Amino acid sequence: MATATATALENNGNLSRRRVQDADRHVGTRLRERRIMLGITLQQLAELIGVTHQQAYKYEKGVNRLAAGQLWRMAQGLEVEVDYFFAGLGSEQAFKPSGRQRLLLDLTRSFLAIPDPRRRAALCDVARALATLERAGEDRHAAAAAVVVPAGPPVDDADGARPS
């Protein structure tokens, strides 16, 4: 049906099949960006909307078109409005993340991979201390290092024995 609709629109001169496929790819790209931003795996996304891992992959690649209900469930699960997936569609240039945005995404992924909440909190404290130093115009790493609290007791050897 989607192909027939695209062909009919193409014949009327309103919209070509290629532009419809471009829209599917755009929605898939936005879906993948949001999933990665939240640190959700493709398998978790598939479970969220009740499809297989392979089907979720095809949605992200724009190979298969998302039904309205599935798009709505994804928006709910990914905590965005449905129009998020269409943002930037039809603009001349595709979204190219800046170096800062890429760094932030990498930092977010690494932060989410830290399983110990105490270490995540310590990392937040270090970042906050460094930002405070920058705002104050200081460049003293010693002050930032003083904020870091060890995540656990000191370990002396591979067996986990504490030093005496």
N, C-alpha and C. Protein backbone atom coordinates (compact mmCIF):
# COMPACT_ATOMS: atom_id res chain seq x y z
N MET A 1 0.82 -1.18 0.00
CA MET A 1 0.00 0.00 0.00
C MET A 1 0.87 1.25 0.00
N ALA A 2 1.93 1.26 0.82
CA ALA A 2 2.81 2.42 0.87
C ALA A 2 3.45 2.67 -0.49
N THR A 3 3.82 1.60 -1.18
CA THR A 3 4.42 1.76 -2.51
C THR A 3 3.40 2.31 -3.48
N ALA A 4 2.18 1.82 -3.41
CA ALA A 4 1.13 2.33 -4.30
C ALA A 4 0.88 3.80 -4.04
N THR A 5 0.86 4.20 -2.77
CA THR A 5 0.65 5.60 -2.42
C THR A 5 1.79 6.45 -2.95
N ALA A 6 3.01 5.98 -2.77
CA ALA A 6 4.17 6.73 -3.25
C ALA A 6 4.13 6.86 -4.76
N THR A 7 3.75 5.79 -5.45
CA THR A 7 3.68 5.83 -6.91
C THR A 7 2.60 6.79 -7.37
N ALA A 8 1.45 6.75 -6.69
CA ALA A 8 0.36 7.65 -7.06
C ALA A 8 0.76 9.10 -6.85
N LEU A 9 1.42 9.38 -5.75
CA LEU A 9 1.86 10.74 -5.50
C LEU A 9 2.90 11.17 -6.52
N GLU A 10 3.77 10.24 -6.91
CA GLU A 10 4.79 10.54 -7.90
C GLU A 10 4.14 10.87 -9.23
N ASN A 11 3.13 10.12 -9.61
CA ASN A 11 2.44 10.34 -10.88
C ASN A 11 1.72 11.68 -10.88
N ASN A 12 1.25 12.13 -9.73
CA ASN A 12 0.60 13.44 -9.65
C ASN A 12 1.61 14.57 -9.55
N GLY A 13 2.87 14.23 -9.39
CA GLY A 13 3.91 15.24 -9.33
C GLY A 13 4.06 15.89 -7.97
N ASN A 14 3.42 15.37 -6.95
CA ASN A 14 3.48 16.00 -5.62
C ASN A 14 4.65 15.51 -4.79
N LEU A 15 4.93 14.22 -4.85
CA LEU A 15 5.96 13.65 -3.99
C LEU A 15 6.50 12.40 -4.65
N SER A 16 7.79 12.26 -4.75
CA SER A 16 8.36 11.08 -5.39
C SER A 16 8.55 9.96 -4.39
N ARG A 17 8.69 8.76 -4.90
CA ARG A 17 8.93 7.59 -4.05
C ARG A 17 10.22 7.79 -3.25
N ARG A 18 11.20 8.38 -3.89
CA ARG A 18 12.48 8.58 -3.21
C ARG A 18 12.31 9.48 -1.98
N ARG A 19 11.50 10.51 -2.09
CA ARG A 19 11.29 11.40 -0.95
C ARG A 19 10.56 10.69 0.18
N VAL A 20 9.65 9.77 -0.15
CA VAL A 20 8.98 9.00 0.88
C VAL A 20 10.00 8.11 1.59
N GLN A 21 10.87 7.47 0.82
CA GLN A 21 11.91 6.62 1.42
C GLN A 21 12.88 7.45 2.26
N ASP A 22 13.18 8.66 1.79
CA ASP A 22 14.04 9.55 2.56
C ASP A 22 13.40 9.88 3.91
N ALA A 23 12.09 10.06 3.92
CA ALA A 23 11.38 10.35 5.17
C ALA A 23 11.48 9.16 6.11
N ASP A 24 11.34 7.94 5.60
CA ASP A 24 11.47 6.74 6.43
C ASP A 24 12.87 6.65 7.02
N ARG A 25 13.87 6.94 6.22
CA ARG A 25 15.25 6.90 6.72
C ARG A 25 15.49 7.99 7.77
N HIS A 26 14.90 9.15 7.54
CA HIS A 26 15.06 10.25 8.49
C HIS A 26 14.44 9.88 9.85
N VAL A 27 13.23 9.34 9.83
CA VAL A 27 12.58 8.92 11.06
C VAL A 27 13.42 7.85 11.75
N GLY A 28 13.94 6.90 10.98
CA GLY A 28 14.79 5.85 11.54
C GLY A 28 16.06 6.41 12.16
N THR A 29 16.65 7.39 11.50
CA THR A 29 17.87 8.02 12.03
C THR A 29 17.58 8.74 13.34
N ARG A 30 16.47 9.46 13.38
CA ARG A 30 16.10 10.17 14.61
C ARG A 30 15.80 9.18 15.74
N LEU A 31 15.19 8.05 15.39
CA LEU A 31 14.91 6.99 16.36
C LEU A 31 16.22 6.46 16.94
N ARG A 32 17.17 6.17 16.09
CA ARG A 32 18.46 5.65 16.54
C ARG A 32 19.20 6.68 17.40
N GLU A 33 19.18 7.95 16.98
CA GLU A 33 19.85 8.99 17.75
C GLU A 33 19.28 9.07 19.17
N ARG A 34 17.96 9.03 19.28
CA ARG A 34 17.33 9.13 20.59
C ARG A 34 17.62 7.88 21.43
N ARG A 35 17.57 6.73 20.81
CA ARG A 35 17.85 5.49 21.53
C ARG A 35 19.27 5.53 22.11
N ILE A 36 20.22 5.93 21.31
CA ILE A 36 21.62 5.99 21.75
C ILE A 36 21.79 7.07 22.82
N MET A 37 21.11 8.19 22.64
CA MET A 37 21.20 9.27 23.61
C MET A 37 20.76 8.81 25.00
N LEU A 38 19.76 7.93 25.04
CA LEU A 38 19.25 7.43 26.31
C LEU A 38 20.00 6.20 26.81
N GLY A 39 20.91 5.68 26.00
CA GLY A 39 21.68 4.51 26.40
C GLY A 39 20.87 3.22 26.35
N ILE A 40 19.88 3.17 25.49
CA ILE A 40 19.03 1.98 25.34
C ILE A 40 19.59 1.12 24.22
N THR A 41 19.64 -0.19 24.43
CA THR A 41 20.12 -1.09 23.39
C THR A 41 19.01 -1.31 22.37
N LEU A 42 19.39 -1.83 21.22
CA LEU A 42 18.42 -2.12 20.18
C LEU A 42 17.43 -3.18 20.67
N GLN A 43 17.92 -4.14 21.43
CA GLN A 43 17.05 -5.18 21.98
C GLN A 43 16.03 -4.58 22.94
N GLN A 44 16.45 -3.65 23.77
CA GLN A 44 15.53 -3.00 24.70
C GLN A 44 14.48 -2.20 23.94
N LEU A 45 14.88 -1.53 22.87
CA LEU A 45 13.93 -0.80 22.05
C LEU A 45 12.91 -1.75 21.44
N ALA A 46 13.37 -2.88 20.94
CA ALA A 46 12.47 -3.87 20.34
C ALA A 46 11.45 -4.35 21.36
N GLU A 47 11.89 -4.63 22.57
CA GLU A 47 10.99 -5.07 23.62
C GLU A 47 9.99 -3.98 23.99
N LEU A 48 10.45 -2.74 23.95
CA LEU A 48 9.60 -1.59 24.28
C LEU A 48 8.38 -1.51 23.35
N ILE A 49 8.59 -1.80 22.08
CA ILE A 49 7.48 -1.68 21.12
C ILE A 49 6.92 -3.02 20.69
N GLY A 50 7.46 -4.10 21.24
CA GLY A 50 6.91 -5.42 20.97
C GLY A 50 7.22 -6.00 19.61
N VAL A 51 8.45 -5.78 19.13
CA VAL A 51 8.88 -6.37 17.87
C VAL A 51 10.20 -7.09 18.08
N THR A 52 10.67 -7.77 17.05
CA THR A 52 11.96 -8.45 17.15
C THR A 52 13.10 -7.45 17.00
N HIS A 53 14.28 -7.90 17.42
CA HIS A 53 15.50 -7.11 17.28
C HIS A 53 15.71 -6.74 15.80
N GLN A 54 15.49 -7.70 14.92
CA GLN A 54 15.70 -7.47 13.48
C GLN A 54 14.73 -6.42 12.95
N GLN A 55 13.48 -6.46 13.42
CA GLN A 55 12.49 -5.49 12.96
C GLN A 55 12.86 -4.09 13.44
N ALA A 56 13.30 -3.97 14.68
CA ALA A 56 13.72 -2.66 15.20
C ALA A 56 14.90 -2.13 14.40
N TYR A 57 15.82 -3.01 14.03
CA TYR A 57 16.96 -2.61 13.20
C TYR A 57 16.48 -2.06 11.86
N LYS A 58 15.50 -2.72 11.26
CA LYS A 58 14.97 -2.27 9.97
C LYS A 58 14.27 -0.93 10.10
N TYR A 59 13.62 -0.69 11.23
CA TYR A 59 13.00 0.62 11.46
C TYR A 59 14.08 1.70 11.51
N GLU A 60 15.15 1.43 12.24
CA GLU A 60 16.23 2.41 12.36
C GLU A 60 16.90 2.70 11.02
N LYS A 61 17.01 1.71 10.18
CA LYS A 61 17.64 1.90 8.87
C LYS A 61 16.69 2.50 7.84
N GLY A 62 15.39 2.56 8.18
CA GLY A 62 14.42 3.10 7.24
C GLY A 62 14.00 2.10 6.18
N VAL A 63 14.36 0.84 6.36
CA VAL A 63 13.99 -0.20 5.41
C VAL A 63 12.49 -0.49 5.52
N ASN A 64 12.00 -0.58 6.76
CA ASN A 64 10.58 -0.79 7.00
C ASN A 64 9.98 0.47 7.61
N ARG A 65 8.78 0.77 7.20
CA ARG A 65 8.09 1.96 7.68
C ARG A 65 7.39 1.66 9.00
N LEU A 66 7.45 2.62 9.91
CA LEU A 66 6.78 2.50 11.19
C LEU A 66 5.30 2.84 11.06
N ALA A 67 4.45 2.03 11.65
CA ALA A 67 3.02 2.35 11.71
C ALA A 67 2.83 3.46 12.74
N ALA A 68 1.74 4.18 12.63
CA ALA A 68 1.48 5.31 13.52
C ALA A 68 1.46 4.88 14.98
N GLY A 69 0.83 3.76 15.28
CA GLY A 69 0.76 3.28 16.66
C GLY A 69 2.13 2.93 17.21
N GLN A 70 2.97 2.33 16.38
CA GLN A 70 4.32 1.98 16.83
C GLN A 70 5.14 3.24 17.05
N LEU A 71 4.99 4.21 16.18
CA LEU A 71 5.72 5.46 16.33
C LEU A 71 5.29 6.16 17.62
N TRP A 72 4.00 6.12 17.91
CA TRP A 72 3.49 6.73 19.13
C TRP A 72 4.05 6.01 20.36
N ARG A 73 4.08 4.66 20.35
CA ARG A 73 4.64 3.90 21.47
C ARG A 73 6.12 4.20 21.65
N MET A 74 6.83 4.34 20.54
CA MET A 74 8.26 4.66 20.63
C MET A 74 8.45 6.04 21.24
N ALA A 75 7.66 6.99 20.81
CA ALA A 75 7.76 8.34 21.36
C ALA A 75 7.51 8.32 22.87
N GLN A 76 6.49 7.57 23.29
CA GLN A 76 6.20 7.45 24.71
C GLN A 76 7.38 6.83 25.46
N GLY A 77 7.89 5.72 24.93
CA GLY A 77 8.98 5.01 25.58
C GLY A 77 10.28 5.79 25.60
N LEU A 78 10.51 6.60 24.57
CA LEU A 78 11.75 7.38 24.47
C LEU A 78 11.58 8.79 25.03
N GLU A 79 10.39 9.05 25.61
CA GLU A 79 10.11 10.32 26.30
C GLU A 79 10.26 11.54 25.40
N VAL A 80 9.69 11.45 24.19
CA VAL A 80 9.67 12.58 23.28
C VAL A 80 8.27 12.66 22.66
N GLU A 81 7.98 13.78 22.02
CA GLU A 81 6.74 13.92 21.25
C GLU A 81 6.95 13.25 19.90
N VAL A 82 5.88 12.86 19.25
CA VAL A 82 5.98 12.18 17.95
C VAL A 82 6.68 13.07 16.93
N ASP A 83 6.45 14.38 16.99
CA ASP A 83 7.07 15.27 16.00
C ASP A 83 8.59 15.32 16.11
N TYR A 84 9.15 14.81 17.22
CA TYR A 84 10.61 14.74 17.36
C TYR A 84 11.22 13.97 16.19
N PHE A 85 10.55 12.89 15.78
CA PHE A 85 11.08 12.04 14.73
C PHE A 85 11.09 12.73 13.36
N PHE A 86 10.28 13.77 13.22
CA PHE A 86 10.18 14.46 11.94
C PHE A 86 10.95 15.78 11.92
N ALA A 87 11.53 16.17 13.04
CA ALA A 87 12.27 17.42 13.12
C ALA A 87 13.42 17.41 12.12
N GLY A 88 13.50 18.47 11.33
CA GLY A 88 14.57 18.59 10.34
C GLY A 88 14.27 17.93 9.02
N LEU A 89 13.12 17.27 8.91
CA LEU A 89 12.76 16.61 7.66
C LEU A 89 12.45 17.68 6.61
N GLY A 90 13.04 17.53 5.47
CA GLY A 90 12.81 18.49 4.39
C GLY A 90 13.80 19.64 4.39
N SER A 91 14.64 19.72 5.43
CA SER A 91 15.64 20.77 5.42
C SER A 91 16.73 20.39 4.43
N GLU A 92 17.44 21.35 3.98
CA GLU A 92 18.46 21.13 2.94
C GLU A 92 19.59 20.24 3.42
N GLN A 93 20.05 20.49 4.63
CA GLN A 93 21.20 19.73 5.12
C GLN A 93 20.77 18.75 6.20
N ALA A 94 21.39 17.59 6.18
CA ALA A 94 21.17 16.61 7.24
C ALA A 94 21.88 17.09 8.51
N PHE A 95 21.40 16.66 9.64
CA PHE A 95 22.00 17.03 10.91
C PHE A 95 23.40 16.46 11.02
N LYS A 96 24.34 17.31 11.31
CA LYS A 96 25.73 16.91 11.54
C LYS A 96 26.10 17.36 12.93
N PRO A 97 26.30 16.43 13.85
CA PRO A 97 26.64 16.84 15.21
C PRO A 97 28.00 17.53 15.25
N SER A 98 28.09 18.53 16.09
CA SER A 98 29.36 19.25 16.27
C SER A 98 30.30 18.37 17.08
N GLY A 99 31.54 18.79 17.13
CA GLY A 99 32.53 18.06 17.93
C GLY A 99 32.12 18.01 19.40
N ARG A 100 31.56 19.10 19.87
CA ARG A 100 31.11 19.16 21.27
C ARG A 100 29.95 18.18 21.50
N GLN A 101 29.02 18.10 20.55
CA GLN A 101 27.89 17.18 20.68
C GLN A 101 28.36 15.73 20.66
N ARG A 102 29.33 15.42 19.81
CA ARG A 102 29.87 14.06 19.77
C ARG A 102 30.57 13.71 21.07
N LEU A 103 31.32 14.67 21.61
CA LEU A 103 32.01 14.47 22.88
C LEU A 103 31.00 14.24 24.00
N LEU A 104 29.93 15.02 24.00
CA LEU A 104 28.89 14.87 25.02
C LEU A 104 28.22 13.50 24.91
N LEU A 105 27.96 13.05 23.70
CA LEU A 105 27.36 11.73 23.51
C LEU A 105 28.30 10.63 24.01
N ASP A 106 29.58 10.75 23.70
CA ASP A 106 30.57 9.77 24.16
C ASP A 106 30.66 9.77 25.68
N LEU A 107 30.66 10.96 26.27
CA LEU A 107 30.70 11.09 27.73
C LEU A 107 29.46 10.46 28.35
N THR A 108 28.31 10.69 27.76
CA THR A 108 27.06 10.13 28.27
C THR A 108 27.08 8.60 28.22
N ARG A 109 27.53 8.06 27.11
CA ARG A 109 27.63 6.60 26.98
C ARG A 109 28.56 6.02 28.04
N SER A 110 29.71 6.65 28.21
CA SER A 110 30.68 6.16 29.19
C SER A 110 30.12 6.27 30.60
N PHE A 111 29.46 7.38 30.90
CA PHE A 111 28.88 7.58 32.22
C PHE A 111 27.83 6.52 32.52
N LEU A 112 26.96 6.23 31.55
CA LEU A 112 25.92 5.23 31.75
C LEU A 112 26.48 3.82 31.89
N ALA A 113 27.70 3.61 31.41
CA ALA A 113 28.32 2.29 31.51
C ALA A 113 28.97 2.05 32.87
N ILE A 114 29.06 3.06 33.71
CA ILE A 114 29.63 2.91 35.05
C ILE A 114 28.55 2.32 35.95
N PRO A 115 28.76 1.09 36.43
CA PRO A 115 27.70 0.44 37.21
C PRO A 115 27.58 0.93 38.66
N ASP A 116 28.66 1.42 39.23
CA ASP A 116 28.66 1.82 40.64
C ASP A 116 28.13 3.25 40.79
N PRO A 117 27.00 3.44 41.49
CA PRO A 117 26.44 4.79 41.64
C PRO A 117 27.38 5.73 42.40
N ARG A 118 28.21 5.19 43.28
CA ARG A 118 29.15 6.05 44.02
C ARG A 118 30.20 6.62 43.07
N ARG A 119 30.63 5.82 42.12
CA ARG A 119 31.63 6.31 41.16
C ARG A 119 31.01 7.32 40.20
N ARG A 120 29.75 7.09 39.82
CA ARG A 120 29.06 8.08 38.97
C ARG A 120 28.93 9.40 39.71
N ALA A 121 28.59 9.33 41.00
CA ALA A 121 28.47 10.55 41.80
C ALA A 121 29.82 11.26 41.93
N ALA A 122 30.88 10.48 42.12
CA ALA A 122 32.22 11.06 42.22
C ALA A 122 32.61 11.76 40.92
N LEU A 123 32.26 11.14 39.79
CA LEU A 123 32.55 11.75 38.49
C LEU A 123 31.78 13.07 38.33
N CYS A 124 30.54 13.09 38.78
CA CYS A 124 29.75 14.33 38.74
C CYS A 124 30.40 15.41 39.59
N ASP A 125 30.91 15.02 40.76
CA ASP A 125 31.58 15.97 41.64
C ASP A 125 32.82 16.55 40.98
N VAL A 126 33.59 15.70 40.31
CA VAL A 126 34.79 16.18 39.61
C VAL A 126 34.40 17.16 38.50
N ALA A 127 33.40 16.81 37.71
CA ALA A 127 32.97 17.68 36.62
C ALA A 127 32.47 19.02 37.16
N ARG A 128 31.71 18.97 38.25
CA ARG A 128 31.18 20.19 38.85
C ARG A 128 32.33 21.06 39.37
N ALA A 129 33.32 20.43 40.01
CA ALA A 129 34.47 21.17 40.53
C ALA A 129 35.26 21.82 39.41
N LEU A 130 35.47 21.08 38.32
CA LEU A 130 36.20 21.65 37.18
C LEU A 130 35.45 22.81 36.56
N ALA A 131 34.14 22.69 36.45
CA ALA A 131 33.33 23.78 35.88
C ALA A 131 33.37 25.00 36.79
N THR A 132 33.35 24.78 38.09
CA THR A 132 33.41 25.89 39.04
C THR A 132 34.75 26.61 38.93
N LEU A 133 35.82 25.84 38.79
CA LEU A 133 37.14 26.44 38.64
C LEU A 133 37.23 27.26 37.36
N GLU A 134 36.65 26.76 36.29
CA GLU A 134 36.67 27.48 35.02
C GLU A 134 35.90 28.80 35.14
N ARG A 135 34.74 28.75 35.79
CA ARG A 135 33.93 29.96 35.94
C ARG A 135 34.65 30.99 36.80
N ALA A 136 35.42 30.53 37.77
CA ALA A 136 36.14 31.44 38.65
C ALA A 136 37.43 31.93 38.01
N GLY A 137 37.79 31.37 36.86
CA GLY A 137 39.00 31.80 36.18
C GLY A 137 40.25 31.14 36.72
N GLU A 138 40.09 30.14 37.56
CA GLU A 138 41.24 29.45 38.12
C GLU A 138 41.55 28.22 37.29
N ASP A 139 42.79 27.80 37.38
CA ASP A 139 43.19 26.58 36.67
C ASP A 139 44.00 25.72 37.62
N ARG A 140 43.38 25.37 38.72
CA ARG A 140 44.07 24.57 39.73
C ARG A 140 43.46 23.19 39.78
N HIS A 141 44.19 22.24 39.31
CA HIS A 141 43.68 20.86 39.31
C HIS A 141 43.69 20.26 40.71
N ALA A 142 44.52 20.79 41.58
CA ALA A 142 44.60 20.25 42.93
C ALA A 142 43.28 20.42 43.67
N ALA A 143 42.60 21.55 43.45
CA ALA A 143 41.32 21.78 44.12
C ALA A 143 40.28 20.78 43.63
N ALA A 144 40.30 20.49 42.35
CA ALA A 144 39.35 19.51 41.80
C ALA A 144 39.66 18.12 42.31
N ALA A 145 40.92 17.80 42.45
CA ALA A 145 41.31 16.47 42.91
C ALA A 145 40.91 16.27 44.36
N ALA A 146 40.85 17.32 45.14
CA ALA A 146 40.47 17.20 46.55
C ALA A 146 39.01 16.80 46.70
N VAL A 147 38.19 17.05 45.69
CA VAL A 147 36.77 16.73 45.74
C VAL A 147 36.53 15.24 45.56
N VAL A 148 37.42 14.56 44.84
CA VAL A 148 37.23 13.15 44.51
C VAL A 148 37.26 12.31 45.78
N VAL A 149 36.22 11.52 45.96
CA VAL A 149 36.12 10.63 47.11
C VAL A 149 36.28 9.22 46.61
N PRO A 150 37.13 8.42 47.22
CA PRO A 150 37.31 7.05 46.75
C PRO A 150 35.98 6.29 46.80
N ALA A 151 35.74 5.44 45.79
CA ALA A 151 34.50 4.69 45.70
C ALA A 151 34.45 3.53 46.67
N GLY A 152 35.55 3.10 47.18
CA GLY A 152 35.56 1.96 48.09
C GLY A 152 36.83 1.97 48.90
N PRO A 153 37.02 0.96 49.74
CA PRO A 153 38.24 0.90 50.55
C PRO A 153 39.45 0.64 49.66
N PRO A 154 40.62 1.11 50.07
CA PRO A 154 41.82 0.88 49.27
C PRO A 154 42.13 -0.61 49.17
N VAL A 155 42.62 -1.02 48.05
CA VAL A 155 42.94 -2.43 47.80
C VAL A 155 44.42 -2.53 47.53
N ASP A 156 45.08 -3.51 48.19
CA ASP A 156 46.52 -3.63 48.08
C ASP A 156 46.93 -4.66 47.03
N ASP A 157 46.22 -5.77 46.93
CA ASP A 157 46.65 -6.79 45.99
C ASP A 157 45.46 -7.30 45.18
N ALA A 158 45.72 -8.24 44.29
CA ALA A 158 44.70 -8.76 43.39
C ALA A 158 43.61 -9.51 44.13
N ASP A 159 43.88 -9.98 45.34
CA ASP A 159 42.87 -10.73 46.10
C ASP A 159 41.90 -9.79 46.82
N GLY A 160 42.14 -8.51 46.76
CA GLY A 160 41.25 -7.56 47.41
C GLY A 160 41.53 -7.33 48.87
N ALA A 161 42.71 -7.75 49.34
CA ALA A 161 43.05 -7.58 50.75
C ALA A 161 43.40 -6.13 51.00
N ARG A 162 42.92 -5.62 52.12
CA ARG A 162 43.23 -4.23 52.50
C ARG A 162 44.63 -4.15 53.07
N PRO A 163 45.32 -3.05 52.80
CA PRO A 163 46.67 -2.92 53.37
C PRO A 163 46.61 -2.77 54.88
N SER A 164 47.66 -3.27 55.57
CA SER A 164 47.65 -3.20 57.04
C SER A 164 48.54 -2.11 57.52
